[in-house]
Amino acid sequence: MSRKDALLRSQVEREAQCLVIPGKPVPKARHQVRLYRGGVITYTPAKTREFEKAVRVYALKHRIKKQDGELAVIVTFYTNGPGDVDNLLKSLLDGLNGVAWEDDRQVKAVVGIKLECKKGEERTEVTIRRMEELVDILLGLAKAG
């Protein structure tokens, strides 16, 4: 690895907030609709609610700081289960809303990757950084290449 690559990697690791959430990622399920006492109620299925809560608790436990400004989120899901990347992202981002950022409108870029893994190795790796830092890094890589 060249000195320039090492410096760039050091900058990437220093400025990002990283979190590894153990366990099988859960895709966002559609809201359910039920009739109740003559009315209609909608609710999020329990499995989705539980995963979002687990993400929130894990982020707080590992001292993820709430950031302001425009953010970029890079996520790698290691799973052998079902779920489209977009639905996996929805449940994760909803779990981080109010913890890693104040409002999900701050998230301006998202990269989601789903990779197969062996049973027992399921996890979600999350990197959160300021949008301008990501742009600077990408421009630096383009110039170096």
Protein backbone atom coordinates (compact mmCIF):
# COMPACT_ATOMS: atom_id res chain seq x y z
CA MET A 1 0.00 0.00 0.00
CA SER A 2 1.42 3.37 -0.98
CA ARG A 3 1.82 6.21 1.52
CA LYS A 4 -0.97 8.13 -0.23
CA ASP A 5 -3.32 5.12 0.04
CA ALA A 6 -2.42 4.66 3.70
CA LEU A 7 -3.13 8.33 4.46
CA LEU A 8 -6.45 8.17 2.62
CA ARG A 9 -7.45 4.99 4.46
CA SER A 10 -6.45 6.57 7.78
CA GLN A 11 -8.64 9.59 6.99
CA VAL A 12 -11.59 7.36 6.08
CA GLU A 13 -11.35 5.35 9.30
CA ARG A 14 -10.83 8.41 11.53
CA GLU A 15 -13.78 10.49 10.35
CA ALA A 16 -16.43 7.79 10.05
CA GLN A 17 -18.70 6.36 12.71
CA CYS A 18 -18.79 2.59 12.35
CA LEU A 19 -21.11 0.04 13.88
CA VAL A 20 -21.34 -3.74 13.52
CA ILE A 21 -24.74 -5.12 14.51
CA PRO A 22 -24.61 -8.87 15.15
CA GLY A 23 -27.46 -11.13 14.09
CA LYS A 24 -29.64 -11.65 11.07
CA PRO A 25 -30.81 -8.41 9.42
CA VAL A 26 -34.59 -8.08 9.11
CA PRO A 27 -36.18 -6.49 6.03
CA LYS A 28 -38.87 -3.86 6.52
CA ALA A 29 -42.24 -5.57 6.26
CA ARG A 30 -45.32 -3.81 4.91
CA HIS A 31 -47.67 -2.27 7.41
CA GLN A 32 -50.50 -4.59 8.37
CA VAL A 33 -54.14 -3.48 8.34
CA ARG A 34 -56.78 -4.89 10.68
CA LEU A 35 -60.38 -4.15 11.53
CA TYR A 36 -60.80 -3.30 15.20
CA ARG A 37 -64.04 -2.28 16.90
CA GLY A 38 -65.56 -1.05 13.69
CA GLY A 39 -62.46 0.89 12.64
CA VAL A 40 -59.29 0.23 10.71
CA ILE A 41 -55.88 0.18 12.35
CA THR A 42 -52.48 -0.12 10.72
CA TYR A 43 -49.36 -1.35 12.45
CA THR A 44 -45.80 -2.43 11.77
CA PRO A 45 -45.27 -6.19 12.19
CA ALA A 46 -43.57 -7.21 15.45
CA LYS A 47 -40.45 -8.68 13.81
CA THR A 48 -39.72 -5.36 12.06
CA ARG A 49 -40.40 -3.32 15.22
CA GLU A 50 -38.12 -5.59 17.27
CA PHE A 51 -35.26 -5.29 14.76
CA GLU A 52 -35.56 -1.50 14.57
CA LYS A 53 -35.54 -1.33 18.38
CA ALA A 54 -32.48 -3.63 18.55
CA VAL A 55 -30.64 -1.38 16.06
CA ARG A 56 -31.51 1.69 18.14
CA VAL A 57 -30.41 0.09 21.42
CA TYR A 58 -27.20 -1.25 19.89
CA ALA A 59 -26.29 2.14 18.40
CA LEU A 60 -26.88 3.88 21.74
CA LYS A 61 -24.93 1.22 23.63
CA HIS A 62 -21.97 1.67 21.27
CA ARG A 63 -22.11 5.47 21.58
CA ILE A 64 -23.02 6.38 18.04
CA LYS A 65 -23.24 10.18 18.13
CA LYS A 66 -26.19 12.03 16.65
CA GLN A 67 -24.88 14.05 13.72
CA ASP A 68 -26.22 17.14 12.05
CA GLY A 69 -25.90 18.17 8.43
CA GLU A 70 -25.99 16.02 5.32
CA LEU A 71 -24.91 12.41 5.81
CA ALA A 72 -23.88 9.37 3.77
CA VAL A 73 -24.55 5.83 5.02
CA ILE A 74 -22.74 2.75 3.72
CA VAL A 75 -24.17 -0.61 4.78
CA THR A 76 -23.12 -4.21 4.18
CA PHE A 77 -25.64 -6.89 5.14
CA TYR A 78 -24.19 -10.34 5.71
CA THR A 79 -27.11 -12.76 5.62
CA ASN A 80 -28.35 -16.00 4.16
CA GLY A 81 -31.95 -14.94 4.52
CA PRO A 82 -34.58 -13.32 2.35
CA GLY A 83 -35.04 -9.63 1.81
CA ASP A 84 -34.29 -7.12 -0.87
CA VAL A 85 -31.51 -4.63 -0.16
CA ASP A 86 -33.99 -1.73 -0.21
CA ASN A 87 -36.19 -3.32 2.47
CA LEU A 88 -33.15 -4.24 4.57
CA LEU A 89 -32.00 -0.61 4.32
CA LYS A 90 -35.43 0.72 5.32
CA SER A 91 -35.55 -1.19 8.59
CA LEU A 92 -31.94 -0.31 9.45
CA LEU A 93 -32.31 3.40 8.62
CA ASP A 94 -35.59 3.60 10.55
CA GLY A 95 -33.82 2.07 13.54
CA LEU A 96 -31.04 4.68 13.37
CA ASN A 97 -33.44 7.61 12.90
CA GLY A 98 -33.33 9.86 15.95
CA VAL A 99 -30.13 8.16 17.18
CA ALA A 100 -27.44 8.64 14.50
CA TRP A 101 -29.21 11.66 13.00
CA GLU A 102 -32.14 13.83 13.98
CA ASP A 103 -34.22 13.33 10.84
CA ASP A 104 -33.86 10.89 7.96
CA ARG A 105 -33.99 13.82 5.53
CA GLN A 106 -30.32 14.35 6.49
CA VAL A 107 -29.33 11.11 4.74
CA LYS A 108 -28.37 12.20 1.22
CA ALA A 109 -26.50 9.10 0.02
CA VAL A 110 -26.94 5.41 0.80
CA VAL A 111 -24.92 2.44 -0.42
CA GLY A 112 -26.40 -0.95 0.41
CA ILE A 113 -24.72 -4.28 -0.26
CA LYS A 114 -26.11 -7.72 0.54
CA LEU A 115 -23.62 -10.58 0.77
CA GLU A 116 -24.25 -14.24 1.46
CA CYS A 117 -22.64 -15.71 4.57
CA LYS A 118 -22.63 -18.88 6.63
CA LYS A 119 -25.23 -19.43 9.31
CA GLY A 120 -24.06 -17.85 12.56
CA GLU A 121 -22.04 -15.16 10.76
CA GLU A 122 -25.00 -12.87 10.03
CA ARG A 123 -24.37 -9.21 10.78
CA THR A 124 -24.83 -5.68 9.50
CA GLU A 125 -21.86 -3.32 9.11
CA VAL A 126 -22.71 0.38 9.03
CA THR A 127 -20.51 3.39 8.26
CA ILE A 128 -21.92 6.90 8.75
CA ARG A 129 -20.07 9.99 7.61
CA ARG A 130 -20.68 13.55 6.60
CA MET A 131 -21.62 13.86 2.95
CA GLU A 132 -18.83 16.35 2.19
CA GLU A 133 -16.25 13.91 3.61
CA LEU A 134 -17.45 11.19 1.27
CA VAL A 135 -17.30 13.56 -1.70
CA ASP A 136 -13.74 14.58 -0.72
CA ILE A 137 -12.68 10.94 -0.44
CA LEU A 138 -14.22 10.03 -3.80
CA LEU A 139 -12.56 13.02 -5.48
CA GLY A 140 -9.25 12.05 -3.88
CA LEU A 141 -9.57 8.51 -5.19
CA ALA A 142 -10.43 9.79 -8.68
CA LYS A 143 -7.34 12.03 -8.71
CA ALA A 144 -5.10 9.25 -7.36
CA GLY A 145 -6.35 6.76 -9.98
